[in-house]
Amino acid sequence: MKIIKLLTLFFLIVIVYACSTATAEKLQETDEEATIAVEEVVQNLFDEVWSDYDEAAITKYQTDDFLLLEHGEVWNNDTIANWCKSAKKRELQFDRINNFERIAAKRNGDKLWLAYHNYGTFKLDTLSFKSSWLESVVAVKKDSVWKLS
């Protein structure tokens, strides 16, 4: 009877170990998956904040200490929120469509650097123009969530 109990306990331990190893392997995010996740953060940030002027979305995609170097100025989350508020008041409201093309990405644990081409198409009635920028960003993963830092 003791042997049956010991064998049952042994098999139970093996099964628990096998399940936990399989789960841990599933939780490992590849570099490509991490890069795609950060690209989605960039896309969502541009769509919600820079196109829709939603200042409430800033902290969803950026860390509290986020800094943007823009046209010789240093912008933080408050600067961007104020820009959103003033952009909402503009008389002409262009629709902005954002597209990105990855140049390179490097990951180091819970940090990821991403370089990309940023393409914006601006439309108002029949008027349309395009603009492009060369940009990079650093993202950090905290509590399973990627944010721009």
N, C-alpha and C. Protein backbone atom coordinates (compact mmCIF):
# COMPACT_ATOMS: atom_id res chain seq x y z
N MET A 1 0.82 -1.19 0.00
CA MET A 1 0.00 0.00 0.00
C MET A 1 0.87 1.26 0.00
N LYS A 2 1.98 1.20 0.75
CA LYS A 2 2.88 2.34 0.80
C LYS A 2 3.47 2.62 -0.58
N ILE A 3 3.78 1.56 -1.31
CA ILE A 3 4.37 1.72 -2.64
C ILE A 3 3.37 2.41 -3.57
N ILE A 4 2.12 2.05 -3.49
CA ILE A 4 1.10 2.68 -4.34
C ILE A 4 0.99 4.16 -4.00
N LYS A 5 0.99 4.49 -2.72
CA LYS A 5 0.92 5.89 -2.30
C LYS A 5 2.15 6.66 -2.78
N LEU A 6 3.32 6.04 -2.65
CA LEU A 6 4.56 6.70 -3.10
C LEU A 6 4.58 6.88 -4.61
N LEU A 7 4.14 5.86 -5.34
CA LEU A 7 4.08 5.97 -6.80
C LEU A 7 3.07 7.04 -7.22
N THR A 8 1.93 7.08 -6.57
CA THR A 8 0.92 8.09 -6.86
C THR A 8 1.48 9.48 -6.60
N LEU A 9 2.14 9.65 -5.48
CA LEU A 9 2.75 10.94 -5.14
C LEU A 9 3.82 11.30 -6.16
N PHE A 10 4.65 10.33 -6.56
CA PHE A 10 5.70 10.57 -7.54
C PHE A 10 5.10 11.04 -8.88
N PHE A 11 4.09 10.33 -9.37
CA PHE A 11 3.45 10.71 -10.63
C PHE A 11 2.76 12.07 -10.53
N LEU A 12 2.18 12.36 -9.40
CA LEU A 12 1.54 13.66 -9.19
C LEU A 12 2.57 14.78 -9.26
N ILE A 13 3.73 14.57 -8.65
CA ILE A 13 4.81 15.56 -8.69
C ILE A 13 5.31 15.74 -10.11
N VAL A 14 5.48 14.65 -10.84
CA VAL A 14 5.94 14.71 -12.23
C VAL A 14 4.94 15.49 -13.08
N ILE A 15 3.66 15.22 -12.91
CA ILE A 15 2.62 15.91 -13.69
C ILE A 15 2.60 17.40 -13.37
N VAL A 16 2.67 17.76 -12.10
CA VAL A 16 2.68 19.17 -11.71
C VAL A 16 3.91 19.87 -12.28
N TYR A 17 5.06 19.23 -12.20
CA TYR A 17 6.29 19.82 -12.74
C TYR A 17 6.19 20.01 -14.25
N ALA A 18 5.67 19.00 -14.95
CA ALA A 18 5.54 19.08 -16.41
C ALA A 18 4.59 20.20 -16.80
N CYS A 19 3.50 20.33 -16.09
CA CYS A 19 2.53 21.40 -16.40
C CYS A 19 3.13 22.77 -16.13
N SER A 20 3.86 22.92 -15.04
CA SER A 20 4.44 24.23 -14.73
C SER A 20 5.54 24.59 -15.72
N THR A 21 6.31 23.63 -16.20
CA THR A 21 7.34 23.89 -17.20
C THR A 21 6.70 24.30 -18.51
N ALA A 22 5.64 23.61 -18.92
CA ALA A 22 4.95 23.95 -20.17
C ALA A 22 4.35 25.35 -20.08
N THR A 23 3.79 25.69 -18.92
CA THR A 23 3.21 27.03 -18.74
C THR A 23 4.29 28.09 -18.78
N ALA A 24 5.42 27.84 -18.14
CA ALA A 24 6.51 28.81 -18.15
C ALA A 24 7.04 29.03 -19.56
N GLU A 25 7.11 27.95 -20.35
CA GLU A 25 7.58 28.09 -21.72
C GLU A 25 6.60 28.91 -22.55
N LYS A 26 5.30 28.75 -22.32
CA LYS A 26 4.28 29.52 -23.03
C LYS A 26 4.38 31.00 -22.69
N LEU A 27 4.76 31.30 -21.46
CA LEU A 27 4.82 32.69 -21.01
C LEU A 27 6.02 33.43 -21.56
N GLN A 28 7.01 32.72 -22.05
CA GLN A 28 8.20 33.37 -22.60
C GLN A 28 7.84 34.05 -23.92
N GLU A 29 8.03 35.34 -23.96
CA GLU A 29 7.73 36.13 -25.15
C GLU A 29 8.98 36.18 -26.03
N THR A 30 8.85 35.85 -27.30
CA THR A 30 10.00 35.93 -28.19
C THR A 30 10.31 37.39 -28.49
N ASP A 31 11.51 37.63 -29.02
CA ASP A 31 11.88 39.00 -29.39
C ASP A 31 10.93 39.56 -30.44
N GLU A 32 10.53 38.73 -31.39
CA GLU A 32 9.61 39.19 -32.43
C GLU A 32 8.24 39.52 -31.85
N GLU A 33 7.75 38.69 -30.93
CA GLU A 33 6.47 38.99 -30.28
C GLU A 33 6.55 40.27 -29.48
N ALA A 34 7.66 40.49 -28.80
CA ALA A 34 7.84 41.73 -28.03
C ALA A 34 7.87 42.93 -28.96
N THR A 35 8.57 42.80 -30.08
CA THR A 35 8.66 43.90 -31.05
C THR A 35 7.28 44.22 -31.61
N ILE A 36 6.52 43.21 -31.96
CA ILE A 36 5.17 43.42 -32.48
C ILE A 36 4.28 44.08 -31.42
N ALA A 37 4.43 43.66 -30.17
CA ALA A 37 3.65 44.27 -29.08
C ALA A 37 3.98 45.75 -28.93
N VAL A 38 5.26 46.10 -29.03
CA VAL A 38 5.66 47.51 -28.92
C VAL A 38 5.18 48.29 -30.14
N GLU A 39 5.24 47.68 -31.33
CA GLU A 39 4.71 48.34 -32.52
C GLU A 39 3.22 48.64 -32.35
N GLU A 40 2.48 47.73 -31.72
CA GLU A 40 1.06 47.97 -31.46
C GLU A 40 0.87 49.12 -30.48
N VAL A 41 1.75 49.23 -29.50
CA VAL A 41 1.68 50.36 -28.56
C VAL A 41 1.89 51.67 -29.33
N VAL A 42 2.89 51.70 -30.20
CA VAL A 42 3.17 52.90 -30.99
C VAL A 42 1.96 53.24 -31.86
N GLN A 43 1.43 52.24 -32.56
CA GLN A 43 0.26 52.47 -33.43
C GLN A 43 -0.92 53.00 -32.63
N ASN A 44 -1.23 52.35 -31.51
CA ASN A 44 -2.37 52.78 -30.70
C ASN A 44 -2.17 54.17 -30.11
N LEU A 45 -0.94 54.45 -29.68
CA LEU A 45 -0.64 55.79 -29.16
C LEU A 45 -0.89 56.85 -30.22
N PHE A 46 -0.36 56.62 -31.42
CA PHE A 46 -0.55 57.62 -32.48
C PHE A 46 -2.02 57.75 -32.86
N ASP A 47 -2.72 56.63 -32.93
CA ASP A 47 -4.14 56.70 -33.30
C ASP A 47 -4.97 57.41 -32.24
N GLU A 48 -4.75 57.09 -30.98
CA GLU A 48 -5.58 57.64 -29.92
C GLU A 48 -5.15 59.03 -29.45
N VAL A 49 -3.84 59.24 -29.32
CA VAL A 49 -3.35 60.51 -28.78
C VAL A 49 -3.11 61.53 -29.89
N TRP A 50 -2.31 61.16 -30.89
CA TRP A 50 -1.91 62.14 -31.90
C TRP A 50 -2.96 62.35 -32.99
N SER A 51 -3.85 61.37 -33.20
CA SER A 51 -4.92 61.53 -34.20
C SER A 51 -6.24 61.94 -33.55
N ASP A 52 -6.59 61.29 -32.44
CA ASP A 52 -7.88 61.55 -31.79
C ASP A 52 -7.78 62.55 -30.64
N TYR A 53 -6.57 62.98 -30.32
CA TYR A 53 -6.33 63.99 -29.27
C TYR A 53 -6.86 63.55 -27.90
N ASP A 54 -6.76 62.27 -27.62
CA ASP A 54 -7.27 61.72 -26.35
C ASP A 54 -6.18 61.74 -25.29
N GLU A 55 -6.15 62.81 -24.51
CA GLU A 55 -5.09 62.92 -23.49
C GLU A 55 -5.21 61.87 -22.41
N ALA A 56 -6.40 61.30 -22.22
CA ALA A 56 -6.56 60.25 -21.21
C ALA A 56 -5.82 58.97 -21.61
N ALA A 57 -5.55 58.79 -22.89
CA ALA A 57 -4.87 57.58 -23.37
C ALA A 57 -3.35 57.65 -23.18
N ILE A 58 -2.83 58.80 -22.85
CA ILE A 58 -1.38 58.97 -22.73
C ILE A 58 -0.78 57.97 -21.74
N THR A 59 -1.35 57.89 -20.55
CA THR A 59 -0.76 57.02 -19.52
C THR A 59 -1.01 55.55 -19.79
N LYS A 60 -1.91 55.24 -20.73
CA LYS A 60 -2.13 53.85 -21.12
C LYS A 60 -0.94 53.33 -21.92
N TYR A 61 -0.24 54.23 -22.63
CA TYR A 61 0.82 53.82 -23.54
C TYR A 61 2.20 54.37 -23.18
N GLN A 62 2.29 55.27 -22.23
CA GLN A 62 3.57 55.89 -21.87
C GLN A 62 3.78 55.81 -20.37
N THR A 63 5.04 55.64 -19.97
CA THR A 63 5.38 55.64 -18.55
C THR A 63 5.23 57.05 -18.01
N ASP A 64 5.16 57.16 -16.69
CA ASP A 64 4.99 58.47 -16.05
C ASP A 64 6.17 59.40 -16.34
N ASP A 65 7.36 58.84 -16.56
CA ASP A 65 8.55 59.66 -16.80
C ASP A 65 8.90 59.77 -18.29
N PHE A 66 7.94 59.50 -19.17
CA PHE A 66 8.16 59.57 -20.61
C PHE A 66 8.65 60.95 -21.04
N LEU A 67 9.63 60.97 -21.94
CA LEU A 67 10.10 62.22 -22.54
C LEU A 67 10.16 62.07 -24.04
N LEU A 68 9.73 63.13 -24.72
CA LEU A 68 9.78 63.19 -26.18
C LEU A 68 10.61 64.41 -26.56
N LEU A 69 11.61 64.20 -27.38
CA LEU A 69 12.41 65.31 -27.89
C LEU A 69 11.83 65.67 -29.25
N GLU A 70 11.19 66.83 -29.32
CA GLU A 70 10.41 67.20 -30.51
C GLU A 70 10.73 68.62 -30.92
N HIS A 71 11.26 68.79 -32.12
CA HIS A 71 11.57 70.12 -32.67
C HIS A 71 12.37 70.98 -31.70
N GLY A 72 13.39 70.39 -31.08
CA GLY A 72 14.26 71.11 -30.17
C GLY A 72 13.65 71.37 -28.81
N GLU A 73 12.52 70.74 -28.52
CA GLU A 73 11.86 70.91 -27.23
C GLU A 73 11.77 69.56 -26.52
N VAL A 74 11.67 69.63 -25.19
CA VAL A 74 11.46 68.43 -24.39
C VAL A 74 9.99 68.41 -23.97
N TRP A 75 9.28 67.37 -24.40
CA TRP A 75 7.87 67.22 -24.05
C TRP A 75 7.72 66.05 -23.07
N ASN A 76 6.85 66.22 -22.09
CA ASN A 76 6.51 65.12 -21.19
C ASN A 76 5.01 64.84 -21.33
N ASN A 77 4.46 64.00 -20.50
CA ASN A 77 3.05 63.66 -20.61
C ASN A 77 2.14 64.88 -20.45
N ASP A 78 2.52 65.81 -19.57
CA ASP A 78 1.70 67.02 -19.39
C ASP A 78 1.74 67.90 -20.64
N THR A 79 2.92 68.04 -21.24
CA THR A 79 3.05 68.82 -22.47
C THR A 79 2.18 68.24 -23.57
N ILE A 80 2.21 66.91 -23.69
CA ILE A 80 1.42 66.23 -24.72
C ILE A 80 -0.07 66.38 -24.43
N ALA A 81 -0.47 66.26 -23.17
CA ALA A 81 -1.88 66.44 -22.81
C ALA A 81 -2.35 67.85 -23.16
N ASN A 82 -1.52 68.84 -22.88
CA ASN A 82 -1.88 70.23 -23.23
C ASN A 82 -1.96 70.40 -24.74
N TRP A 83 -1.07 69.75 -25.48
CA TRP A 83 -1.14 69.81 -26.94
C TRP A 83 -2.47 69.21 -27.43
N CYS A 84 -2.87 68.09 -26.84
CA CYS A 84 -4.14 67.45 -27.22
C CYS A 84 -5.31 68.40 -26.98
N LYS A 85 -5.32 69.05 -25.83
CA LYS A 85 -6.41 69.97 -25.50
C LYS A 85 -6.49 71.12 -26.49
N SER A 86 -5.34 71.68 -26.85
CA SER A 86 -5.34 72.80 -27.81
C SER A 86 -5.67 72.31 -29.22
N ALA A 87 -5.25 71.09 -29.57
CA ALA A 87 -5.54 70.55 -30.91
C ALA A 87 -7.04 70.34 -31.09
N LYS A 88 -7.73 69.96 -30.02
CA LYS A 88 -9.19 69.77 -30.10
C LYS A 88 -9.91 71.07 -30.43
N LYS A 89 -9.31 72.20 -30.10
CA LYS A 89 -9.95 73.50 -30.29
C LYS A 89 -9.68 74.11 -31.67
N ARG A 90 -8.82 73.46 -32.45
CA ARG A 90 -8.51 74.00 -33.78
C ARG A 90 -9.76 74.06 -34.65
N GLU A 91 -9.81 75.10 -35.46
CA GLU A 91 -10.96 75.27 -36.36
C GLU A 91 -10.97 74.16 -37.42
N LEU A 92 -9.82 73.89 -38.03
CA LEU A 92 -9.72 72.83 -39.03
C LEU A 92 -9.30 71.54 -38.36
N GLN A 93 -10.08 70.51 -38.55
CA GLN A 93 -9.80 69.20 -37.95
C GLN A 93 -9.50 68.19 -39.06
N PHE A 94 -8.22 67.95 -39.29
CA PHE A 94 -7.79 66.97 -40.28
C PHE A 94 -7.94 65.56 -39.70
N ASP A 95 -8.32 64.62 -40.54
CA ASP A 95 -8.22 63.21 -40.17
C ASP A 95 -6.78 62.80 -40.40
N ARG A 96 -6.21 62.10 -39.43
CA ARG A 96 -4.82 61.65 -39.55
C ARG A 96 -4.78 60.14 -39.54
N ILE A 97 -4.14 59.58 -40.55
CA ILE A 97 -3.97 58.13 -40.66
C ILE A 97 -2.49 57.84 -40.49
N ASN A 98 -2.17 56.98 -39.54
CA ASN A 98 -0.79 56.68 -39.19
C ASN A 98 -0.37 55.31 -39.69
N ASN A 99 0.81 55.24 -40.26
CA ASN A 99 1.41 53.97 -40.69
C ASN A 99 2.87 53.96 -40.29
N PHE A 100 3.37 52.77 -40.01
CA PHE A 100 4.74 52.63 -39.55
C PHE A 100 5.44 51.51 -40.31
N GLU A 101 6.73 51.69 -40.50
CA GLU A 101 7.55 50.66 -41.13
C GLU A 101 8.79 50.47 -40.28
N ARG A 102 8.94 49.28 -39.75
CA ARG A 102 10.07 48.98 -38.86
C ARG A 102 11.39 49.05 -39.62
N ILE A 103 12.37 49.67 -38.97
CA ILE A 103 13.74 49.69 -39.49
C ILE A 103 14.56 48.64 -38.74
N ALA A 104 14.51 48.73 -37.40
CA ALA A 104 15.28 47.80 -36.57
C ALA A 104 14.69 47.77 -35.17
N ALA A 105 14.97 46.68 -34.48
CA ALA A 105 14.53 46.55 -33.08
C ALA A 105 15.57 45.74 -32.33
N LYS A 106 15.83 46.14 -31.11
CA LYS A 106 16.77 45.42 -30.24
C LYS A 106 16.12 45.28 -28.88
N ARG A 107 16.14 44.05 -28.37
CA ARG A 107 15.54 43.79 -27.07
C ARG A 107 16.60 43.37 -26.08
N ASN A 108 16.44 43.85 -24.85
CA ASN A 108 17.30 43.44 -23.74
C ASN A 108 16.38 43.21 -22.54
N GLY A 109 15.92 41.99 -22.38
CA GLY A 109 15.01 41.67 -21.28
C GLY A 109 13.69 42.40 -21.41
N ASP A 110 13.38 43.23 -20.41
CA ASP A 110 12.12 43.98 -20.40
C ASP A 110 12.26 45.38 -20.99
N LYS A 111 13.29 45.58 -21.80
CA LYS A 111 13.48 46.85 -22.51
C LYS A 111 13.61 46.55 -24.00
N LEU A 112 13.06 47.44 -24.82
CA LEU A 112 13.12 47.24 -26.26
C LEU A 112 13.28 48.59 -26.93
N TRP A 113 14.24 48.68 -27.84
CA TRP A 113 14.46 49.88 -28.66
C TRP A 113 13.92 49.58 -30.04
N LEU A 114 13.16 50.53 -30.60
CA LEU A 114 12.55 50.35 -31.91
C LEU A 114 12.79 51.59 -32.75
N ALA A 115 13.33 51.38 -33.95
CA ALA A 115 13.50 52.46 -34.93
C ALA A 115 12.51 52.21 -36.06
N TYR A 116 11.87 53.27 -36.55
CA TYR A 116 10.84 53.08 -37.57
C TYR A 116 10.64 54.34 -38.39
N HIS A 117 10.07 54.15 -39.58
CA HIS A 117 9.57 55.25 -40.39
C HIS A 117 8.13 55.48 -39.95
N ASN A 118 7.77 56.72 -39.73
CA ASN A 118 6.42 57.10 -39.33
C ASN A 118 5.81 57.87 -40.50
N TYR A 119 4.72 57.36 -41.04
CA TYR A 119 4.06 58.01 -42.18
C TYR A 119 2.69 58.50 -41.73
N GLY A 120 2.41 59.76 -41.98
CA GLY A 120 1.10 60.33 -41.67
C GLY A 120 0.43 60.85 -42.91
N THR A 121 -0.83 60.48 -43.07
CA THR A 121 -1.66 61.02 -44.15
C THR A 121 -2.72 61.88 -43.50
N PHE A 122 -2.81 63.12 -43.92
CA PHE A 122 -3.74 64.08 -43.35
C PHE A 122 -4.80 64.42 -44.38
N LYS A 123 -6.07 64.31 -43.98
CA LYS A 123 -7.17 64.53 -44.93
C LYS A 123 -8.20 65.48 -44.33
N LEU A 124 -8.69 66.37 -45.20
CA LEU A 124 -9.79 67.26 -44.85
C LEU A 124 -10.60 67.47 -46.12
N ASP A 125 -11.80 66.95 -46.12
CA ASP A 125 -12.65 66.98 -47.31
C ASP A 125 -11.89 66.37 -48.49
N THR A 126 -11.64 67.14 -49.55
CA THR A 126 -10.93 66.62 -50.72
C THR A 126 -9.43 66.88 -50.64
N LEU A 127 -9.01 67.63 -49.64
CA LEU A 127 -7.59 67.96 -49.46
C LEU A 127 -6.89 66.81 -48.74
N SER A 128 -5.70 66.45 -49.22
CA SER A 128 -4.93 65.38 -48.61
C SER A 128 -3.44 65.66 -48.79
N PHE A 129 -2.67 65.45 -47.73
CA PHE A 129 -1.21 65.55 -47.85
C PHE A 129 -0.57 64.53 -46.94
N LYS A 130 0.69 64.22 -47.25
CA LYS A 130 1.43 63.21 -46.49
C LYS A 130 2.67 63.83 -45.88
N SER A 131 3.07 63.24 -44.78
CA SER A 131 4.30 63.65 -44.12
C SER A 131 4.98 62.39 -43.60
N SER A 132 6.28 62.47 -43.39
CA SER A 132 6.99 61.30 -42.85
C SER A 132 8.08 61.76 -41.89
N TRP A 133 8.37 60.88 -40.96
CA TRP A 133 9.37 61.16 -39.95
C TRP A 133 10.20 59.90 -39.72
N LEU A 134 11.40 60.09 -39.27
CA LEU A 134 12.28 58.99 -38.87
C LEU A 134 12.35 59.05 -37.35
N GLU A 135 11.95 57.99 -36.68
CA GLU A 135 11.82 58.03 -35.22
C GLU A 135 12.36 56.78 -34.57
N SER A 136 12.60 56.89 -33.27
CA SER A 136 12.92 55.71 -32.46
C SER A 136 12.29 55.89 -31.09
N VAL A 137 12.12 54.79 -30.41
CA VAL A 137 11.49 54.81 -29.10
C VAL A 137 12.08 53.69 -28.25
N VAL A 138 12.06 53.90 -26.95
CA VAL A 138 12.43 52.86 -26.00
C VAL A 138 11.17 52.48 -25.24
N ALA A 139 10.92 51.18 -25.14
CA ALA A 139 9.77 50.69 -24.40
C ALA A 139 10.25 49.81 -23.25
N VAL A 140 9.47 49.81 -22.19
CA VAL A 140 9.76 48.96 -21.04
C VAL A 140 8.52 48.12 -20.73
N LYS A 141 8.78 46.92 -20.26
CA LYS A 141 7.68 46.03 -19.90
C LYS A 141 7.62 45.94 -18.38
N LYS A 142 6.47 46.31 -17.86
CA LYS A 142 6.26 46.25 -16.41
C LYS A 142 4.89 45.64 -16.17
N ASP A 143 4.82 44.65 -15.30
CA ASP A 143 3.57 43.96 -15.01
C ASP A 143 2.91 43.44 -16.29
N SER A 144 3.73 42.88 -17.17
CA SER A 144 3.28 42.26 -18.44
C SER A 144 2.73 43.26 -19.45
N VAL A 145 2.99 44.56 -19.26
CA VAL A 145 2.48 45.59 -20.17
C VAL A 145 3.66 46.39 -20.73
N TRP A 146 3.72 46.52 -22.05
CA TRP A 146 4.74 47.35 -22.69
C TRP A 146 4.26 48.79 -22.73
N LYS A 147 5.14 49.73 -22.34
CA LYS A 147 4.86 51.16 -22.43
C LYS A 147 6.09 51.87 -22.96
N LEU A 148 5.85 52.99 -23.61
CA LEU A 148 6.96 53.80 -24.12
C LEU A 148 7.54 54.58 -22.95
N SER A 149 8.86 54.67 -22.94
CA SER A 149 9.54 55.28 -21.80
C SER A 149 10.35 56.49 -22.26
